[in-house]
Amino acid sequence: MQRRAQRDPSVKRLHRVLAGAAVVPAMLIVAGCSSDSGSDDGKDKAAGSSASASASASPSPTVRAAVYKDLPEACDVLSKKTLDDLVPKAKSGKESQSEDISTRAGCSWDSLANNGVDGSQFRWLSVSMLRFDSDTTRGAGDELAEEYYTKQVGDVQAAEGAEDTKSEPVTDTGDEATAVRYDLKKKEGTFKQQTVVARVENVVLTLDYNGAGLAGDKAPSADDLMKDAKKAAKEAVKAVTGSGGGKSSGGDAESGSPSKPASSSAPAKD
């Protein structure tokens, strides 16, 4: 009886086989899920790499380089002969204050020919230069200079207190130039103001020249003053174009420091 109660060993083997067979499909399912998940990650990584490569391949913005990268010494743009003609016996020029003379610079001279009881002749001359760098956000230097040139001419034409204002283009003086003349009456007398605004590439030059007959002396000829102003402006422009090593070799500039706005041309000196 006891032997009949024992299990048949073949039954035990059968149970083990069935249990093993039941585990196999579960392992296959788990393996299959794991394989699919890895495939998705690979696609995501590939897509990310492609996007990164596309972004790095995009060209950075560029702008045409400014032609002139420096300015000449403001007090040296006019020859001694020119200064002797326009401001006789003038002392050395007075240089304008500037945080960066490669971007903005200026110089002025004045003279007074005292003729005693016959009165005096006063002359005042000023040259100012403003250079514009190319900038990826603002544009090319010559275009910025052209905008400022137009504004500067308008400011001179609208000078406060100006009377009998006249304007005319000036040839052979940079890329473009305009001469403006007007009378400015002061308690000392009537000042004859002549201003020439010129642009050469990315530089704008403003030359102011005025004269007056004081203490009873007659006023100078506006035509003569304008002739001298045009001659001096042309000479100053040549100094800009010939400033040693100031000309760029061209190409594209990725960035540049924007210039500070310049003040309008100086009024006649009191």
Protein backbone atom coordinates (compact mmCIF):
# COMPACT_ATOMS: atom_id res chain seq x y z
CA MET A 1 0.00 0.00 0.00
CA GLN A 2 2.78 2.37 0.80
CA ARG A 3 4.40 1.92 -2.59
CA ARG A 4 1.11 2.70 -4.34
CA ALA A 5 0.83 5.98 -2.44
CA GLN A 6 4.16 7.33 -3.88
CA ARG A 7 4.02 9.53 -6.98
CA ASP A 8 5.18 8.24 -10.27
CA PRO A 9 8.56 9.87 -11.12
CA SER A 10 7.47 10.34 -14.70
CA VAL A 11 4.68 12.60 -13.53
CA LYS A 12 7.21 14.84 -11.74
CA ARG A 13 9.34 15.13 -14.87
CA LEU A 14 6.28 16.09 -16.88
CA HIS A 15 5.44 18.88 -14.43
CA ARG A 16 8.97 20.28 -14.70
CA VAL A 17 8.82 20.28 -18.48
CA LEU A 18 5.49 22.09 -18.52
CA ALA A 19 6.72 24.69 -16.04
CA GLY A 20 9.80 25.37 -18.16
CA ALA A 21 7.70 25.66 -21.28
CA ALA A 22 5.49 28.23 -19.58
CA VAL A 23 8.49 30.44 -18.71
CA VAL A 24 9.91 30.60 -22.25
CA PRO A 25 7.13 32.73 -23.82
CA ALA A 26 7.35 35.24 -20.94
CA MET A 27 11.11 35.67 -21.47
CA LEU A 28 10.59 36.12 -25.18
CA ILE A 29 7.98 38.83 -24.56
CA VAL A 30 10.27 40.72 -22.19
CA ALA A 31 13.17 40.46 -24.63
CA GLY A 32 10.96 41.71 -27.45
CA CYS A 33 9.85 44.78 -25.47
CA SER A 34 13.42 45.57 -24.53
CA SER A 35 14.52 45.36 -28.16
CA ASP A 36 11.76 47.76 -29.37
CA SER A 37 12.62 50.35 -26.69
CA GLY A 38 16.28 50.43 -27.74
CA SER A 39 15.27 50.98 -31.34
CA ASP A 40 13.20 54.08 -30.48
CA ASP A 41 16.05 55.59 -28.46
CA GLY A 42 18.37 55.19 -31.41
CA LYS A 43 15.96 57.04 -33.68
CA ASP A 44 15.64 59.92 -31.19
CA LYS A 45 19.40 60.22 -30.86
CA ALA A 46 19.83 60.19 -34.62
CA ALA A 47 17.19 62.90 -35.02
CA GLY A 48 18.87 65.04 -32.35
CA SER A 49 22.26 64.69 -33.98
CA SER A 50 20.81 65.66 -37.35
CA ALA A 51 19.16 68.79 -35.91
CA SER A 52 22.38 69.82 -34.18
CA ALA A 53 24.39 69.37 -37.34
CA SER A 54 21.84 71.42 -39.29
CA ALA A 55 21.99 74.24 -36.75
CA SER A 56 25.77 74.37 -36.77
CA ALA A 57 25.81 74.41 -40.55
CA SER A 58 23.65 77.59 -40.70
CA PRO A 59 25.85 80.57 -41.75
CA SER A 60 26.33 83.37 -39.22
CA PRO A 61 25.15 86.83 -40.39
CA THR A 62 27.80 89.03 -42.03
CA VAL A 63 27.91 92.61 -43.29
CA ARG A 64 30.14 94.45 -45.75
CA ALA A 65 33.28 95.68 -44.01
CA ALA A 66 33.81 99.41 -43.54
CA VAL A 67 36.45 100.85 -45.86
CA TYR A 68 38.15 103.16 -43.37
CA LYS A 69 39.05 101.81 -39.95
CA ASP A 70 40.81 104.91 -38.61
CA LEU A 71 40.85 108.70 -38.80
CA PRO A 72 43.75 111.10 -39.39
CA GLU A 73 44.88 113.52 -36.69
CA ALA A 74 42.18 116.19 -36.80
CA CYS A 75 44.55 119.12 -36.28
CA ASP A 76 46.75 117.90 -39.15
CA VAL A 77 44.14 117.55 -41.92
CA LEU A 78 44.83 121.09 -43.21
CA SER A 79 48.17 122.42 -44.40
CA LYS A 80 49.89 125.37 -42.81
CA LYS A 81 49.31 127.41 -45.96
CA THR A 82 45.56 126.74 -45.86
CA LEU A 83 45.41 127.68 -42.18
CA ASP A 84 47.39 130.89 -42.86
CA ASP A 85 44.88 131.81 -45.59
CA LEU A 86 41.71 131.02 -43.62
CA VAL A 87 42.71 131.90 -40.05
CA PRO A 88 45.72 134.24 -40.29
CA LYS A 89 48.08 134.17 -37.32
CA ALA A 90 45.96 131.54 -35.60
CA LYS A 91 47.57 129.66 -32.75
CA SER A 92 47.79 125.87 -32.79
CA GLY A 93 44.49 124.12 -33.26
CA LYS A 94 42.34 123.14 -30.32
CA GLU A 95 41.58 119.42 -30.44
CA SER A 96 38.05 118.31 -29.55
CA GLN A 97 37.48 116.00 -26.62
CA SER A 98 36.82 112.42 -27.71
CA GLU A 99 36.71 109.05 -25.98
CA ASP A 100 37.92 107.34 -29.16
CA ILE A 101 39.76 109.44 -31.73
CA SER A 102 39.61 106.57 -34.25
CA THR A 103 35.82 107.01 -34.31
CA ARG A 104 35.30 110.75 -33.85
CA ALA A 105 37.76 113.62 -33.93
CA GLY A 106 37.80 117.37 -34.40
CA CYS A 107 39.93 120.48 -34.27
CA SER A 108 39.24 124.23 -34.36
CA TRP A 109 41.19 127.43 -34.96
CA ASP A 110 40.35 131.12 -34.56
CA SER A 111 42.04 134.41 -35.32
CA LEU A 112 41.39 138.09 -34.78
CA ALA A 113 43.05 140.72 -36.95
CA ASN A 114 42.80 143.82 -34.79
CA ASN A 115 42.99 146.99 -36.88
CA GLY A 116 42.55 149.40 -34.01
CA VAL A 117 40.06 152.17 -34.70
CA ASP A 118 39.34 150.62 -38.09
CA GLY A 119 37.82 147.57 -36.45
CA SER A 120 38.75 143.91 -36.56
CA GLN A 121 38.30 140.86 -38.71
CA PHE A 122 37.36 137.66 -36.90
CA ARG A 123 37.65 134.15 -38.38
CA TRP A 124 36.74 130.75 -36.93
CA LEU A 125 37.41 127.37 -38.56
CA SER A 126 36.44 123.90 -37.39
CA VAL A 127 36.80 120.40 -38.80
CA SER A 128 34.99 117.41 -37.29
CA MET A 129 35.01 113.79 -38.47
CA LEU A 130 32.77 110.88 -37.58
CA ARG A 131 33.56 107.32 -38.66
CA PHE A 132 31.02 104.50 -38.75
CA ASP A 133 31.94 100.83 -38.34
CA SER A 134 29.97 98.04 -39.98
CA ASP A 135 27.68 96.15 -37.63
CA THR A 136 25.62 93.01 -38.20
CA THR A 137 22.56 94.52 -36.50
CA ARG A 138 22.80 98.12 -37.77
CA GLY A 139 24.23 97.64 -41.26
CA ALA A 140 27.26 98.55 -43.37
CA GLY A 141 29.42 101.48 -42.31
CA ASP A 142 28.98 103.45 -45.54
CA GLU A 143 25.19 103.13 -45.33
CA LEU A 144 25.20 104.37 -41.73
CA ALA A 145 27.44 107.26 -42.78
CA GLU A 146 25.10 108.13 -45.64
CA GLU A 147 22.15 108.31 -43.24
CA TYR A 148 24.09 110.57 -40.90
CA TYR A 149 25.29 112.75 -43.80
CA THR A 150 21.69 113.42 -44.85
CA LYS A 151 20.70 114.24 -41.28
CA GLN A 152 23.71 116.50 -40.78
CA VAL A 153 22.95 118.53 -43.89
CA GLY A 154 19.36 118.95 -42.72
CA ASP A 155 20.50 120.09 -39.27
CA VAL A 156 22.82 122.71 -40.77
CA GLN A 157 20.09 124.01 -43.07
CA ALA A 158 17.76 124.35 -40.08
CA ALA A 159 20.27 126.13 -37.80
CA GLU A 160 18.60 128.32 -35.23
CA GLY A 161 18.76 132.02 -36.04
CA ALA A 162 20.02 131.45 -39.59
CA GLU A 163 19.04 134.03 -42.20
CA ASP A 164 19.21 133.89 -45.99
CA THR A 165 20.17 130.17 -46.03
CA LYS A 166 21.43 128.76 -49.32
CA SER A 167 22.63 125.24 -50.22
CA GLU A 168 24.52 123.79 -53.15
CA PRO A 169 26.23 120.50 -54.04
CA VAL A 170 30.02 120.37 -53.98
CA THR A 171 31.90 118.33 -56.58
CA ASP A 172 35.17 116.39 -56.28
CA THR A 173 34.87 116.22 -52.50
CA GLY A 174 34.40 112.64 -51.37
CA ASP A 175 31.42 110.56 -52.48
CA GLU A 176 28.96 113.39 -51.84
CA ALA A 177 29.15 116.87 -50.35
CA THR A 178 26.85 119.83 -49.72
CA ALA A 179 27.73 123.43 -48.90
CA VAL A 180 25.37 125.54 -46.79
CA ARG A 181 25.70 129.27 -46.14
CA TYR A 182 23.73 131.67 -44.01
CA ASP A 183 24.01 134.86 -41.98
CA LEU A 184 23.91 134.82 -38.21
CA LYS A 185 23.35 138.14 -36.47
CA LYS A 186 24.91 138.64 -33.05
CA LYS A 187 25.51 141.65 -30.85
CA GLU A 188 29.11 141.86 -32.09
CA GLY A 189 28.04 141.92 -35.73
CA THR A 190 26.82 139.73 -38.58
CA PHE A 191 28.67 136.45 -38.93
CA LYS A 192 28.91 134.88 -42.37
CA GLN A 193 28.64 131.12 -41.79
CA GLN A 194 29.84 128.57 -44.33
CA THR A 195 29.48 124.82 -43.71
CA VAL A 196 30.56 121.96 -45.97
CA VAL A 197 29.35 118.47 -45.10
CA ALA A 198 31.08 115.68 -47.01
CA ARG A 199 30.97 111.89 -46.95
CA VAL A 200 33.71 109.56 -48.10
CA GLU A 201 32.72 105.91 -47.72
CA ASN A 202 32.05 105.37 -43.98
CA VAL A 203 33.34 108.77 -42.79
CA VAL A 204 31.39 112.04 -42.57
CA LEU A 205 33.37 115.27 -42.38
CA THR A 206 31.89 118.64 -41.40
CA LEU A 207 33.87 121.82 -42.00
CA ASP A 208 32.60 125.07 -40.48
CA TYR A 209 34.05 128.44 -41.41
CA ASN A 210 32.71 131.82 -40.43
CA GLY A 211 33.90 135.38 -40.40
CA ALA A 212 32.72 138.76 -39.24
CA GLY A 213 33.78 142.38 -39.33
CA LEU A 214 33.82 143.67 -35.77
CA ALA A 215 34.00 147.10 -34.17
CA GLY A 216 32.87 148.86 -37.32
CA ASP A 217 34.89 146.87 -39.86
CA LYS A 218 32.92 145.69 -42.87
CA ALA A 219 31.63 142.12 -43.12
CA PRO A 220 33.72 139.72 -45.23
CA SER A 221 32.49 138.48 -48.58
CA ALA A 222 30.37 135.34 -48.22
CA ASP A 223 31.48 134.22 -51.68
CA ASP A 224 35.14 134.46 -50.72
CA LEU A 225 34.55 132.60 -47.46
CA MET A 226 32.65 129.83 -49.25
CA LYS A 227 35.40 129.46 -51.83
CA ASP A 228 37.94 128.99 -49.04
CA ALA A 229 35.65 126.59 -47.15
CA LYS A 230 35.21 124.35 -50.19
CA LYS A 231 38.96 124.27 -50.81
CA ALA A 232 39.66 123.37 -47.18
CA ALA A 233 36.95 120.67 -47.15
CA LYS A 234 38.44 119.03 -50.23
CA GLU A 235 41.88 119.05 -48.59
CA ALA A 236 40.49 117.53 -45.38
CA VAL A 237 38.73 114.75 -47.31
CA LYS A 238 42.01 113.87 -49.00
CA ALA A 239 43.58 113.57 -45.56
CA VAL A 240 40.89 111.02 -44.66
CA THR A 241 41.40 108.93 -47.78
CA GLY A 242 45.16 109.06 -47.40
CA SER A 243 45.35 108.42 -43.66
CA GLY A 244 48.24 105.95 -43.38
CA GLY A 245 47.09 102.39 -42.91
CA GLY A 246 43.54 103.51 -42.31
CA LYS A 247 42.01 101.69 -45.22
CA SER A 248 40.56 98.23 -44.77
CA SER A 249 41.33 95.42 -47.20
CA GLY A 250 37.62 94.72 -47.61
CA GLY A 251 35.67 91.49 -47.12
CA ASP A 252 32.94 90.76 -44.59
CA ALA A 253 32.91 91.92 -41.03
CA GLU A 254 31.08 89.90 -38.45
CA SER A 255 30.62 92.80 -36.10
CA GLY A 256 31.74 96.26 -35.27
CA SER A 257 31.34 98.81 -32.55
CA PRO A 258 28.56 101.23 -33.40
CA SER A 259 29.70 104.84 -33.33
CA LYS A 260 28.24 107.31 -30.97
CA PRO A 261 25.98 109.97 -32.48
CA ALA A 262 27.84 113.18 -33.25
CA SER A 263 26.57 116.58 -32.29
CA SER A 264 25.48 118.92 -35.02
CA SER A 265 28.01 121.33 -36.52
CA ALA A 266 29.29 124.00 -34.19
CA PRO A 267 27.58 127.41 -34.46
CA ALA A 268 29.40 130.62 -35.10
CA LYS A 269 31.60 131.53 -32.21
CA ASP A 270 30.35 134.33 -29.95
